[in-house]
PDB file of N, CA and C in Angstrom:
ATOM      1  N   GLN A   1      19.262 -19.297   8.433  1.00  0.00           N
ATOM      2  CA  GLN A   1      18.613 -19.302   7.138  1.00  0.00           C
ATOM      3  C   GLN A   1      18.044 -17.907   6.856  1.00  0.00           C
ATOM      4  N   VAL A   2      18.261 -17.450   5.642  1.00  0.00           N
ATOM      5  CA  VAL A   2      17.783 -16.137   5.244  1.00  0.00           C
ATOM      6  C   VAL A   2      16.264 -16.131   5.187  1.00  0.00           C
ATOM      7  N   GLN A   3      15.683 -15.116   5.804  1.00  0.00           N
ATOM      8  CA  GLN A   3      14.239 -14.959   5.787  1.00  0.00           C
ATOM      9  C   GLN A   3      13.893 -13.504   5.503  1.00  0.00           C
ATOM     10  N   LEU A   4      12.980 -13.304   4.580  1.00  0.00           N
ATOM     11  CA  LEU A   4      12.453 -11.991   4.272  1.00  0.00           C
ATOM     12  C   LEU A   4      10.938 -12.116   4.314  1.00  0.00           C
ATOM     13  N   VAL A   5      10.317 -11.386   5.203  1.00  0.00           N
ATOM     14  CA  VAL A   5       8.883 -11.516   5.404  1.00  0.00           C
ATOM     15  C   VAL A   5       8.208 -10.170   5.234  1.00  0.00           C
ATOM     16  N   GLU A   6       7.437 -10.037   4.170  1.00  0.00           N
ATOM     17  CA  GLU A   6       6.722  -8.802   3.892  1.00  0.00           C
ATOM     18  C   GLU A   6       5.396  -8.765   4.635  1.00  0.00           C
ATOM     19  N   SER A   7       4.952  -7.572   4.922  1.00  0.00           N
ATOM     20  CA  SER A   7       3.650  -7.373   5.537  1.00  0.00           C
ATOM     21  C   SER A   7       3.170  -5.964   5.211  1.00  0.00           C
ATOM     22  N   GLY A   8       1.912  -5.712   5.486  1.00  0.00           N
ATOM     23  CA  GLY A   8       1.362  -4.383   5.299  1.00  0.00           C
ATOM     24  C   GLY A   8       0.521  -4.204   4.057  1.00  0.00           C
ATOM     25  N   GLY A   9       0.457  -5.224   3.220  1.00  0.00           N
ATOM     26  CA  GLY A   9      -0.364  -5.127   2.031  1.00  0.00           C
ATOM     27  C   GLY A   9      -1.841  -5.170   2.381  1.00  0.00           C
ATOM     28  N   GLY A  10      -2.657  -4.871   1.393  1.00  0.00           N
ATOM     29  CA  GLY A  10      -4.087  -4.883   1.606  1.00  0.00           C
ATOM     30  C   GLY A  10      -4.815  -4.153   0.513  1.00  0.00           C
ATOM     31  N   LEU A  11      -6.063  -3.854   0.776  1.00  0.00           N
ATOM     32  CA  LEU A  11      -6.923  -3.154  -0.170  1.00  0.00           C
ATOM     33  C   LEU A  11      -7.006  -1.686   0.205  1.00  0.00           C
ATOM     34  N   VAL A  12      -6.774  -0.835  -0.767  1.00  0.00           N
ATOM     35  CA  VAL A  12      -6.828   0.601  -0.530  1.00  0.00           C
ATOM     36  C   VAL A  12      -7.445   1.281  -1.747  1.00  0.00           C
ATOM     37  N   GLN A  13      -8.126   2.376  -1.518  1.00  0.00           N
ATOM     38  CA  GLN A  13      -8.719   3.127  -2.617  1.00  0.00           C
ATOM     39  C   GLN A  13      -7.678   3.972  -3.330  1.00  0.00           C
ATOM     40  N   ALA A  14      -7.932   4.236  -4.598  1.00  0.00           N
ATOM     41  CA  ALA A  14      -7.043   5.098  -5.361  1.00  0.00           C
ATOM     42  C   ALA A  14      -6.852   6.426  -4.640  1.00  0.00           C
ATOM     43  N   GLY A  15      -5.619   6.880  -4.613  1.00  0.00           N
ATOM     44  CA  GLY A  15      -5.297   8.106  -3.914  1.00  0.00           C
ATOM     45  C   GLY A  15      -4.870   7.894  -2.481  1.00  0.00           C
ATOM     46  N   GLY A  16      -5.059   6.691  -1.991  1.00  0.00           N
ATOM     47  CA  GLY A  16      -4.705   6.376  -0.622  1.00  0.00           C
ATOM     48  C   GLY A  16      -3.244   6.018  -0.460  1.00  0.00           C
ATOM     49  N   SER A  17      -2.888   5.646   0.757  1.00  0.00           N
ATOM     50  CA  SER A  17      -1.510   5.319   1.086  1.00  0.00           C
ATOM     51  C   SER A  17      -1.422   3.979   1.790  1.00  0.00           C
ATOM     52  N   LEU A  18      -0.254   3.389   1.702  1.00  0.00           N
ATOM     53  CA  LEU A  18       0.000   2.119   2.349  1.00  0.00           C
ATOM     54  C   LEU A  18       1.483   2.055   2.673  1.00  0.00           C
ATOM     55  N   ARG A  19       1.818   1.435   3.777  1.00  0.00           N
ATOM     56  CA  ARG A  19       3.210   1.259   4.156  1.00  0.00           C
ATOM     57  C   ARG A  19       3.528  -0.215   4.292  1.00  0.00           C
ATOM     58  N   LEU A  20       4.417  -0.691   3.451  1.00  0.00           N
ATOM     59  CA  LEU A  20       4.833  -2.075   3.498  1.00  0.00           C
ATOM     60  C   LEU A  20       6.076  -2.224   4.363  1.00  0.00           C
ATOM     61  N   SER A  21       6.195  -3.360   5.015  1.00  0.00           N
ATOM     62  CA  SER A  21       7.360  -3.665   5.832  1.00  0.00           C
ATOM     63  C   SER A  21       7.954  -4.986   5.392  1.00  0.00           C
ATOM     64  N   CYS A  22       9.245  -5.115   5.552  1.00  0.00           N
ATOM     65  CA  CYS A  22       9.937  -6.361   5.277  1.00  0.00           C
ATOM     66  C   CYS A  22      10.886  -6.638   6.420  1.00  0.00           C
ATOM     67  N   ALA A  23      10.603  -7.675   7.169  1.00  0.00           N
ATOM     68  CA  ALA A  23      11.442  -8.075   8.290  1.00  0.00           C
ATOM     69  C   ALA A  23      12.465  -9.088   7.820  1.00  0.00           C
ATOM     70  N   ALA A  24      13.738  -8.786   8.043  1.00  0.00           N
ATOM     71  CA  ALA A  24      14.824  -9.634   7.573  1.00  0.00           C
ATOM     72  C   ALA A  24      15.506 -10.356   8.728  1.00  0.00           C
ATOM     73  N   SER A  25      15.978 -11.553   8.450  1.00  0.00           N
ATOM     74  CA  SER A  25      16.733 -12.313   9.440  1.00  0.00           C
ATOM     75  C   SER A  25      17.647 -13.301   8.722  1.00  0.00           C
ATOM     76  N   GLY A  26      18.630 -13.818   9.445  1.00  0.00           N
ATOM     77  CA  GLY A  26      19.528 -14.808   8.883  1.00  0.00           C
ATOM     78  C   GLY A  26      20.763 -14.243   8.213  1.00  0.00           C
ATOM     79  N   PHE A  27      20.935 -12.943   8.259  1.00  0.00           N
ATOM     80  CA  PHE A  27      22.122 -12.298   7.708  1.00  0.00           C
ATOM     81  C   PHE A  27      22.323 -10.962   8.387  1.00  0.00           C
ATOM     82  N   THR A  28      23.500 -10.388   8.170  1.00  0.00           N
ATOM     83  CA  THR A  28      23.803  -9.092   8.775  1.00  0.00           C
ATOM     84  C   THR A  28      23.137  -8.004   7.953  1.00  0.00           C
ATOM     85  N   PHE A  29      21.956  -7.657   8.362  1.00  0.00           N
ATOM     86  CA  PHE A  29      21.095  -6.763   7.602  1.00  0.00           C
ATOM     87  C   PHE A  29      21.783  -5.459   7.214  1.00  0.00           C
ATOM     88  N   SER A  30      22.508  -4.869   8.140  1.00  0.00           N
ATOM     89  CA  SER A  30      23.111  -3.564   7.911  1.00  0.00           C
ATOM     90  C   SER A  30      24.203  -3.566   6.845  1.00  0.00           C
ATOM     91  N   ASN A  31      24.657  -4.737   6.425  1.00  0.00           N
ATOM     92  CA  ASN A  31      25.699  -4.835   5.413  1.00  0.00           C
ATOM     93  C   ASN A  31      25.164  -4.877   3.989  1.00  0.00           C
ATOM     94  N   TYR A  32      23.864  -4.930   3.832  1.00  0.00           N
ATOM     95  CA  TYR A  32      23.297  -5.171   2.514  1.00  0.00           C
ATOM     96  C   TYR A  32      22.297  -4.125   2.058  1.00  0.00           C
ATOM     97  N   ALA A  33      22.381  -3.837   0.771  1.00  0.00           N
ATOM     98  CA  ALA A  33      21.349  -3.031   0.142  1.00  0.00           C
ATOM     99  C   ALA A  33      20.058  -3.846   0.082  1.00  0.00           C
ATOM    100  N   MET A  34      18.940  -3.166   0.108  1.00  0.00           N
ATOM    101  CA  MET A  34      17.646  -3.824   0.062  1.00  0.00           C
ATOM    102  C   MET A  34      16.810  -3.231  -1.063  1.00  0.00           C
ATOM    103  N   SER A  35      15.922  -4.051  -1.594  1.00  0.00           N
ATOM    104  CA  SER A  35      15.104  -3.618  -2.720  1.00  0.00           C
ATOM    105  C   SER A  35      13.667  -4.071  -2.569  1.00  0.00           C
ATOM    106  N   TRP A  36      12.810  -3.382  -3.290  1.00  0.00           N
ATOM    107  CA  TRP A  36      11.422  -3.788  -3.461  1.00  0.00           C
ATOM    108  C   TRP A  36      11.159  -4.004  -4.947  1.00  0.00           C
ATOM    109  N   TYR A  37      10.455  -5.061  -5.242  1.00  0.00           N
ATOM    110  CA  TYR A  37       9.982  -5.362  -6.581  1.00  0.00           C
ATOM    111  C   TYR A  37       8.484  -5.599  -6.509  1.00  0.00           C
ATOM    112  N   ARG A  38       7.852  -5.589  -7.667  1.00  0.00           N
ATOM    113  CA  ARG A  38       6.432  -5.921  -7.693  1.00  0.00           C
ATOM    114  C   ARG A  38       6.102  -6.674  -8.974  1.00  0.00           C
ATOM    115  N   GLN A  39       5.031  -7.419  -8.911  1.00  0.00           N
ATOM    116  CA  GLN A  39       4.580  -8.165 -10.071  1.00  0.00           C
ATOM    117  C   GLN A  39       3.061  -8.104 -10.148  1.00  0.00           C
ATOM    118  N   ALA A  40       2.574  -7.493 -11.211  1.00  0.00           N
ATOM    119  CA  ALA A  40       1.149  -7.395 -11.455  1.00  0.00           C
ATOM    120  C   ALA A  40       0.697  -8.606 -12.253  1.00  0.00           C
ATOM    121  N   PRO A  41      -0.584  -8.931 -12.196  1.00  0.00           N
ATOM    122  CA  PRO A  41      -1.098 -10.082 -12.953  1.00  0.00           C
ATOM    123  C   PRO A  41      -0.771  -9.979 -14.434  1.00  0.00           C
ATOM    124  N   GLY A  42      -0.201 -11.036 -14.983  1.00  0.00           N
ATOM    125  CA  GLY A  42       0.116 -11.074 -16.396  1.00  0.00           C
ATOM    126  C   GLY A  42       1.328 -10.273 -16.810  1.00  0.00           C
ATOM    127  N   LYS A  43       2.047  -9.718 -15.856  1.00  0.00           N
ATOM    128  CA  LYS A  43       3.210  -8.902 -16.174  1.00  0.00           C
ATOM    129  C   LYS A  43       4.465  -9.459 -15.513  1.00  0.00           C
ATOM    130  N   GLU A  44       5.604  -9.034 -16.035  1.00  0.00           N
ATOM    131  CA  GLU A  44       6.871  -9.449 -15.456  1.00  0.00           C
ATOM    132  C   GLU A  44       7.130  -8.702 -14.161  1.00  0.00           C
ATOM    133  N   ARG A  45       7.926  -9.322 -13.321  1.00  0.00           N
ATOM    134  CA  ARG A  45       8.319  -8.659 -12.093  1.00  0.00           C
ATOM    135  C   ARG A  45       9.182  -7.442 -12.429  1.00  0.00           C
ATOM    136  N   GLU A  46       8.891  -6.334 -11.794  1.00  0.00           N
ATOM    137  CA  GLU A  46       9.629  -5.115 -12.066  1.00  0.00           C
ATOM    138  C   GLU A  46      10.220  -4.518 -10.794  1.00  0.00           C
ATOM    139  N   TRP A  47      11.324  -3.846 -10.967  1.00  0.00           N
ATOM    140  CA  TRP A  47      11.993  -3.198  -9.865  1.00  0.00           C
ATOM    141  C   TRP A  47      11.236  -1.939  -9.448  1.00  0.00           C
ATOM    142  N   VAL A  48      11.117  -1.753  -8.161  1.00  0.00           N
ATOM    143  CA  VAL A  48      10.403  -0.609  -7.614  1.00  0.00           C
ATOM    144  C   VAL A  48      11.364   0.401  -7.001  1.00  0.00           C
ATOM    145  N   ALA A  49      12.197  -0.068  -6.075  1.00  0.00           N
ATOM    146  CA  ALA A  49      13.090   0.835  -5.360  1.00  0.00           C
ATOM    147  C   ALA A  49      14.195   0.048  -4.675  1.00  0.00           C
ATOM    148  N   SER A  50      15.302   0.724  -4.391  1.00  0.00           N
ATOM    149  CA  SER A  50      16.407   0.132  -3.649  1.00  0.00           C
ATOM    150  C   SER A  50      16.989   1.166  -2.709  1.00  0.00           C
ATOM    151  N   ILE A  51      17.618   0.680  -1.670  1.00  0.00           N
ATOM    152  CA  ILE A  51      18.279   1.548  -0.717  1.00  0.00           C
ATOM    153  C   ILE A  51      19.620   0.937  -0.357  1.00  0.00           C
ATOM    154  N   THR A  52      20.629   1.768  -0.215  1.00  0.00           N
ATOM    155  CA  THR A  52      21.965   1.289   0.101  1.00  0.00           C
ATOM    156  C   THR A  52      22.018   0.729   1.512  1.00  0.00           C
ATOM    157  N   ASN A  53      23.108   0.024   1.791  1.00  0.00           N
ATOM    158  CA  ASN A  53      23.245  -0.576   3.115  1.00  0.00           C
ATOM    159  C   ASN A  53      23.246   0.456   4.234  1.00  0.00           C
ATOM    160  N   THR A  54      23.783   1.625   3.952  1.00  0.00           N
ATOM    161  CA  THR A  54      23.831   2.674   4.961  1.00  0.00           C
ATOM    162  C   THR A  54      22.542   3.475   5.046  1.00  0.00           C
ATOM    163  N   GLY A  55      21.698   3.335   4.043  1.00  0.00           N
ATOM    164  CA  GLY A  55      20.487   4.124   4.000  1.00  0.00           C
ATOM    165  C   GLY A  55      20.712   5.532   3.496  1.00  0.00           C
ATOM    166  N   SER A  56      21.911   5.807   3.009  1.00  0.00           N
ATOM    167  CA  SER A  56      22.247   7.152   2.591  1.00  0.00           C
ATOM    168  C   SER A  56      21.708   7.513   1.211  1.00  0.00           C
ATOM    169  N   SER A  57      21.448   6.503   0.394  1.00  0.00           N
ATOM    170  CA  SER A  57      20.963   6.753  -0.956  1.00  0.00           C
ATOM    171  C   SER A  57      19.858   5.776  -1.307  1.00  0.00           C
ATOM    172  N   ALA A  58      18.972   6.227  -2.160  1.00  0.00           N
ATOM    173  CA  ALA A  58      17.883   5.386  -2.619  1.00  0.00           C
ATOM    174  C   ALA A  58      17.608   5.660  -4.084  1.00  0.00           C
ATOM    175  N   GLY A  59      17.098   4.668  -4.763  1.00  0.00           N
ATOM    176  CA  GLY A  59      16.746   4.816  -6.152  1.00  0.00           C
ATOM    177  C   GLY A  59      15.356   4.270  -6.398  1.00  0.00           C
ATOM    178  N   TYR A  60      14.687   4.823  -7.416  1.00  0.00           N
ATOM    179  CA  TYR A  60      13.310   4.452  -7.708  1.00  0.00           C
ATOM    180  C   TYR A  60      13.088   4.285  -9.197  1.00  0.00           C
ATOM    181  N   ALA A  61      12.145   3.440  -9.537  1.00  0.00           N
ATOM    182  CA  ALA A  61      11.696   3.395 -10.911  1.00  0.00           C
ATOM    183  C   ALA A  61      11.161   4.773 -11.276  1.00  0.00           C
ATOM    184  N   ILE A  62      11.481   5.217 -12.483  1.00  0.00           N
ATOM    185  CA  ILE A  62      11.124   6.575 -12.893  1.00  0.00           C
ATOM    186  C   ILE A  62       9.646   6.866 -12.714  1.00  0.00           C
ATOM    187  N   SER A  63       8.805   5.911 -13.067  1.00  0.00           N
ATOM    188  CA  SER A  63       7.373   6.121 -12.997  1.00  0.00           C
ATOM    189  C   SER A  63       6.846   6.240 -11.578  1.00  0.00           C
ATOM    190  N   LEU A  64       7.629   5.819 -10.609  1.00  0.00           N
ATOM    191  CA  LEU A  64       7.196   5.817  -9.220  1.00  0.00           C
ATOM    192  C   LEU A  64       7.819   6.924  -8.389  1.00  0.00           C
ATOM    193  N   LYS A  65       8.842   7.534  -8.906  1.00  0.00           N
ATOM    194  CA  LYS A  65       9.538   8.575  -8.160  1.00  0.00           C
ATOM    195  C   LYS A  65       8.569   9.701  -7.811  1.00  0.00           C
ATOM    196  N   GLY A  66       8.594  10.057  -6.541  1.00  0.00           N
ATOM    197  CA  GLY A  66       7.715  11.108  -6.066  1.00  0.00           C
ATOM    198  C   GLY A  66       6.515  10.584  -5.312  1.00  0.00           C
ATOM    199  N   ARG A  67       6.169   9.326  -5.513  1.00  0.00           N
ATOM    200  CA  ARG A  67       5.039   8.712  -4.818  1.00  0.00           C
ATOM    201  C   ARG A  67       5.476   7.670  -3.800  1.00  0.00           C
ATOM    202  N   PHE A  68       6.563   6.979  -4.094  1.00  0.00           N
ATOM    203  CA  PHE A  68       7.038   5.906  -3.218  1.00  0.00           C
ATOM    204  C   PHE A  68       8.324   6.327  -2.519  1.00  0.00           C
ATOM    205  N   THR A  69       8.478   5.877  -1.284  1.00  0.00           N
ATOM    206  CA  THR A  69       9.688   6.144  -0.523  1.00  0.00           C
ATOM    207  C   THR A  69      10.160   4.873   0.172  1.00  0.00           C
ATOM    208  N   ILE A  70      11.408   4.512  -0.056  1.00  0.00           N
ATOM    209  CA  ILE A  70      11.994   3.360   0.615  1.00  0.00           C
ATOM    210  C   ILE A  70      12.847   3.853   1.778  1.00  0.00           C
ATOM    211  N   SER A  71      12.820   3.127   2.866  1.00  0.00           N
ATOM    212  CA  SER A  71      13.620   3.474   4.029  1.00  0.00           C
ATOM    213  C   SER A  71      13.988   2.200   4.777  1.00  0.00           C
ATOM    214  N   ARG A  72      14.890   2.323   5.728  1.00  0.00           N
ATOM    215  CA  ARG A  72      15.275   1.149   6.499  1.00  0.00           C
ATOM    216  C   ARG A  72      15.550   1.522   7.939  1.00  0.00           C
ATOM    217  N   ASP A  73      15.376   0.554   8.803  1.00  0.00           N
ATOM    218  CA  ASP A  73      15.662   0.699  10.219  1.00  0.00           C
ATOM    219  C   ASP A  73      16.519  -0.492  10.609  1.00  0.00           C
ATOM    220  N   ASP A  74      17.826  -0.284  10.662  1.00  0.00           N
ATOM    221  CA  ASP A  74      18.741  -1.387  10.933  1.00  0.00           C
ATOM    222  C   ASP A  74      18.567  -1.962  12.338  1.00  0.00           C
ATOM    223  N   ALA A  75      18.123  -1.142  13.265  1.00  0.00           N
ATOM    224  CA  ALA A  75      17.891  -1.630  14.621  1.00  0.00           C
ATOM    225  C   ALA A  75      16.778  -2.662  14.658  1.00  0.00           C
ATOM    226  N   LYS A  76      15.882  -2.583  13.679  1.00  0.00           N
ATOM    227  CA  LYS A  76      14.762  -3.513  13.598  1.00  0.00           C
ATOM    228  C   LYS A  76      14.911  -4.514  12.463  1.00  0.00           C
ATOM    229  N   ASN A  77      16.026  -4.446  11.748  1.00  0.00           N
ATOM    230  CA  ASN A  77      16.248  -5.316  10.588  1.00  0.00           C
ATOM    231  C   ASN A  77      15.054  -5.279   9.636  1.00  0.00           C
ATOM    232  N   THR A  78      14.604  -4.082   9.354  1.00  0.00           N
ATOM    233  CA  THR A  78      13.401  -3.908   8.567  1.00  0.00           C
ATOM    234  C   THR A  78      13.580  -2.839   7.498  1.00  0.00           C
ATOM    235  N   VAL A  79      13.067  -3.130   6.317  1.00  0.00           N
ATOM    236  CA  VAL A  79      13.023  -2.151   5.250  1.00  0.00           C
ATOM    237  C   VAL A  79      11.556  -1.851   4.956  1.00  0.00           C
ATOM    238  N   TYR A  80      11.271  -0.604   4.621  1.00  0.00           N
ATOM    239  CA  TYR A  80       9.909  -0.159   4.412  1.00  0.00           C
ATOM    240  C   TYR A  80       9.709   0.392   3.010  1.00  0.00           C
ATOM    241  N   LEU A  81       8.477   0.381   2.588  1.00  0.00           N
ATOM    242  CA  LEU A  81       8.096   1.056   1.357  1.00  0.00           C
ATOM    243  C   LEU A  81       6.827   1.842   1.633  1.00  0.00           C
ATOM    244  N   GLN A  82       6.967   3.149   1.676  1.00  0.00           N
ATOM    245  CA  GLN A  82       5.819   4.027   1.851  1.00  0.00           C
ATOM    246  C   GLN A  82       5.263   4.348   0.477  1.00  0.00           C
ATOM    247  N   MET A  83       4.002   4.047   0.270  1.00  0.00           N
ATOM    248  CA  MET A  83       3.362   4.247  -1.014  1.00  0.00           C
ATOM    249  C   MET A  83       2.233   5.255  -0.856  1.00  0.00           C
ATOM    250  N   ASN A  84       2.339   6.343  -1.567  1.00  0.00           N
ATOM    251  CA  ASN A  84       1.333   7.397  -1.519  1.00  0.00           C
ATOM    252  C   ASN A  84       0.696   7.590  -2.887  1.00  0.00           C
ATOM    253  N   SER A  85      -0.443   8.259  -2.882  1.00  0.00           N
ATOM    254  CA  SER A  85      -1.160   8.549  -4.128  1.00  0.00           C
ATOM    255  C   SER A  85      -1.294   7.302  -4.992  1.00  0.00           C
ATOM    256  N   LEU A  86      -1.732   6.248  -4.383  1.00  0.00           N
ATOM    257  CA  LEU A  86      -1.801   4.964  -5.071  1.00  0.00           C
ATOM    258  C   LEU A  86      -2.801   4.982  -6.218  1.00  0.00           C
ATOM    259  N   LYS A  87      -2.450   4.256  -7.251  1.00  0.00           N
ATOM    260  CA  LYS A  87      -3.256   4.146  -8.455  1.00  0.00           C
ATOM    261  C   LYS A  87      -3.617   2.692  -8.690  1.00  0.00           C
ATOM    262  N   PRO A  88      -4.708   2.437  -9.411  1.00  0.00           N
ATOM    263  CA  PRO A  88      -5.072   1.044  -9.689  1.00  0.00           C
ATOM    264  C   PRO A  88      -3.936   0.255 -10.343  1.00  0.00           C
ATOM    265  N   GLU A  89      -3.134   0.902 -11.158  1.00  0.00           N
ATOM    266  CA  GLU A  89      -2.028   0.224 -11.809  1.00  0.00           C
ATOM    267  C   GLU A  89      -0.900  -0.171 -10.854  1.00  0.00           C
ATOM    268  N   ASP A  90      -0.984   0.279  -9.611  1.00  0.00           N
ATOM    269  CA  ASP A  90      -0.030  -0.148  -8.592  1.00  0.00           C
ATOM    270  C   ASP A  90      -0.398  -1.508  -8.008  1.00  0.00           C
ATOM    271  N   THR A  91      -1.554  -2.011  -8.363  1.00  0.00           N
ATOM    272  CA  THR A  91      -1.989  -3.313  -7.876  1.00  0.00           C
ATOM    273  C   THR A  91      -0.995  -4.386  -8.302  1.00  0.00           C
ATOM    274  N   ALA A  92      -0.476  -5.114  -7.337  1.00  0.00           N
ATOM    275  CA  ALA A  92       0.539  -6.123  -7.605  1.00  0.00           C
ATOM    276  C   ALA A  92       0.896  -6.838  -6.312  1.00  0.00           C
ATOM    277  N   VAL A  93       1.658  -7.898  -6.459  1.00  0.00           N
ATOM    278  CA  VAL A  93       2.294  -8.513  -5.312  1.00  0.00           C
ATOM    279  C   VAL A  93       3.646  -7.845  -5.153  1.00  0.00           C
ATOM    280  N   TYR A  94       3.918  -7.350  -3.978  1.00  0.00           N
ATOM    281  CA  TYR A  94       5.158  -6.636  -3.713  1.00  0.00           C
ATOM    282  C   TYR A  94       6.129  -7.535  -2.953  1.00  0.00           C
ATOM    283  N   TYR A  95       7.357  -7.584  -3.442  1.00  0.00           N
ATOM    284  CA  TYR A  95       8.377  -8.456  -2.886  1.00  0.00           C
ATOM    285  C   TYR A  95       9.563  -7.668  -2.350  1.00  0.00           C
ATOM    286  N   CYS A  96      10.045  -8.099  -1.229  1.00  0.00           N
ATOM    287  CA  CYS A  96      11.275  -7.592  -0.645  1.00  0.00           C
ATOM    288  C   CYS A  96      12.424  -8.468  -1.126  1.00  0.00           C
ATOM    289  N   SER A  97      13.597  -7.877  -1.346  1.00  0.00           N
ATOM    290  CA  SER A  97      14.695  -8.647  -1.901  1.00  0.00           C
ATOM    291  C   SER A  97      16.055  -8.121  -1.462  1.00  0.00           C
ATOM    292  N   ALA A  98      17.020  -9.019  -1.450  1.00  0.00           N
ATOM    293  CA  ALA A  98      18.406  -8.677  -1.163  1.00  0.00           C
ATOM    294  C   ALA A  98      19.315  -9.639  -1.907  1.00  0.00           C
ATOM    295  N   VAL A  99      20.493  -9.167  -2.273  1.00  0.00           N
ATOM    296  CA  VAL A  99      21.485 -10.031  -2.911  1.00  0.00           C
ATOM    297  C   VAL A  99      22.463 -10.483  -1.841  1.00  0.00           C
ATOM    298  N   LEU A 100      22.503 -11.771  -1.603  1.00  0.00           N
ATOM    299  CA  LEU A 100      23.354 -12.363  -0.585  1.00  0.00           C
ATOM    300  C   LEU A 100      24.229 -13.441  -1.212  1.00  0.00           C
ATOM    301  N   SER A 101      25.537 -13.303  -1.054  1.00  0.00           N
ATOM    302  CA  SER A 101      26.483 -14.280  -1.601  1.00  0.00           C
ATOM    303  C   SER A 101      26.223 -14.535  -3.074  1.00  0.00           C
ATOM    304  N   SER A 102      26.022 -13.480  -3.811  1.00  0.00           N
ATOM    305  CA  SER A 102      25.790 -13.473  -5.254  1.00  0.00           C
ATOM    306  C   SER A 102      24.427 -14.010  -5.680  1.00  0.00           C
ATOM    307  N   ARG A 103      23.580 -14.365  -4.740  1.00  0.00           N
ATOM    308  CA  ARG A 103      22.245 -14.848  -5.060  1.00  0.00           C
ATOM    309  C   ARG A 103      21.184 -13.896  -4.519  1.00  0.00           C
ATOM    310  N   ARG A 104      20.162 -13.681  -5.312  1.00  0.00           N
ATOM    311  CA  ARG A 104      19.084 -12.815  -4.870  1.00  0.00           C
ATOM    312  C   ARG A 104      18.073 -13.617  -4.072  1.00  0.00           C
ATOM    313  N   SER A 105      17.782 -13.128  -2.880  1.00  0.00           N
ATOM    314  CA  SER A 105      16.785 -13.744  -2.021  1.00  0.00           C
ATOM    315  C   SER A 105      15.504 -12.938  -2.071  1.00  0.00           C
ATOM    316  N   TRP A 106      14.399 -13.635  -1.927  1.00  0.00           N
ATOM    317  CA  TRP A 106      13.081 -13.013  -2.034  1.00  0.00           C
ATOM    318  C   TRP A 106      12.209 -13.372  -0.851  1.00  0.00           C
ATOM    319  N   GLY A 107      11.335 -12.464  -0.492  1.00  0.00           N
ATOM    320  CA  GLY A 107      10.289 -12.776   0.454  1.00  0.00           C
ATOM    321  C   GLY A 107       9.146 -13.454  -0.274  1.00  0.00           C
ATOM    322  N   GLN A 108       8.104 -13.766   0.452  1.00  0.00           N
ATOM    323  CA  GLN A 108       6.957 -14.452  -0.143  1.00  0.00           C
ATOM    324  C   GLN A 108       6.008 -13.502  -0.863  1.00  0.00           C
ATOM    325  N   GLY A 109       6.148 -12.228  -0.596  1.00  0.00           N
ATOM    326  CA  GLY A 109       5.325 -11.220  -1.229  1.00  0.00           C
ATOM    327  C   GLY A 109       4.110 -10.846  -0.406  1.00  0.00           C
ATOM    328  N   THR A 110       3.638  -9.640  -0.625  1.00  0.00           N
ATOM    329  CA  THR A 110       2.410  -9.179   0.012  1.00  0.00           C
ATOM    330  C   THR A 110       1.552  -8.489  -1.044  1.00  0.00           C
ATOM    331  N   GLN A 111       0.279  -8.811  -1.047  1.00  0.00           N
ATOM    332  CA  GLN A 111      -0.630  -8.308  -2.070  1.00  0.00           C
ATOM    333  C   GLN A 111      -1.080  -6.887  -1.768  1.00  0.00           C
ATOM    334  N   VAL A 112      -0.971  -6.042  -2.770  1.00  0.00           N
ATOM    335  CA  VAL A 112      -1.495  -4.686  -2.698  1.00  0.00           C
ATOM    336  C   VAL A 112      -2.537  -4.541  -3.792  1.00  0.00           C
ATOM    337  N   THR A 113      -3.739  -4.181  -3.401  1.00  0.00           N
ATOM    338  CA  THR A 113      -4.815  -3.992  -4.359  1.00  0.00           C
ATOM    339  C   THR A 113      -5.355  -2.577  -4.217  1.00  0.00           C
ATOM    340  N   VAL A 114      -5.348  -1.844  -5.312  1.00  0.00           N
ATOM    341  CA  VAL A 114      -5.818  -0.467  -5.316  1.00  0.00           C
ATOM    342  C   VAL A 114      -7.093  -0.395  -6.137  1.00  0.00           C
ATOM    343  N   SER A 115      -8.171  -0.025  -5.503  1.00  0.00           N
ATOM    344  CA  SER A 115      -9.455   0.064  -6.176  1.00  0.00           C
ATOM    345  C   SER A 115      -9.682   1.470  -6.716  1.00  0.00           C
ATOM    346  N   SER A 116     -10.451   1.560  -7.778  1.00  0.00           N
ATOM    347  CA  SER A 116     -10.735   2.847  -8.396  1.00  0.00           C
ATOM    348  C   SER A 116     -12.037   3.435  -7.891  1.00  0.00           C
TER     349      SER A 116
END
């Protein structure tokens, strides 16, 4: 069974950093691109970043480019999101995701709260 488990969220002050992790299981991790999404209170879920299956390329939401970095460690079946220079508007539940057999799978999410 596909499992995506996020961790690393928490409370951080504006300007601080946080590193999120997503542990994957139930599929051949190295064959799939991975993504991060987030959803703030009262807002739609939005795409944050994606990384190819090989880890050779990554893409970011324009507003986040330069502050966030996505990476993966296939030996650990884990994808990461390094978040720097955090702003209060980054406060959201962050979700790990992958498209498997034409269906998008999601983790349960991890809360990130950035205080001003």
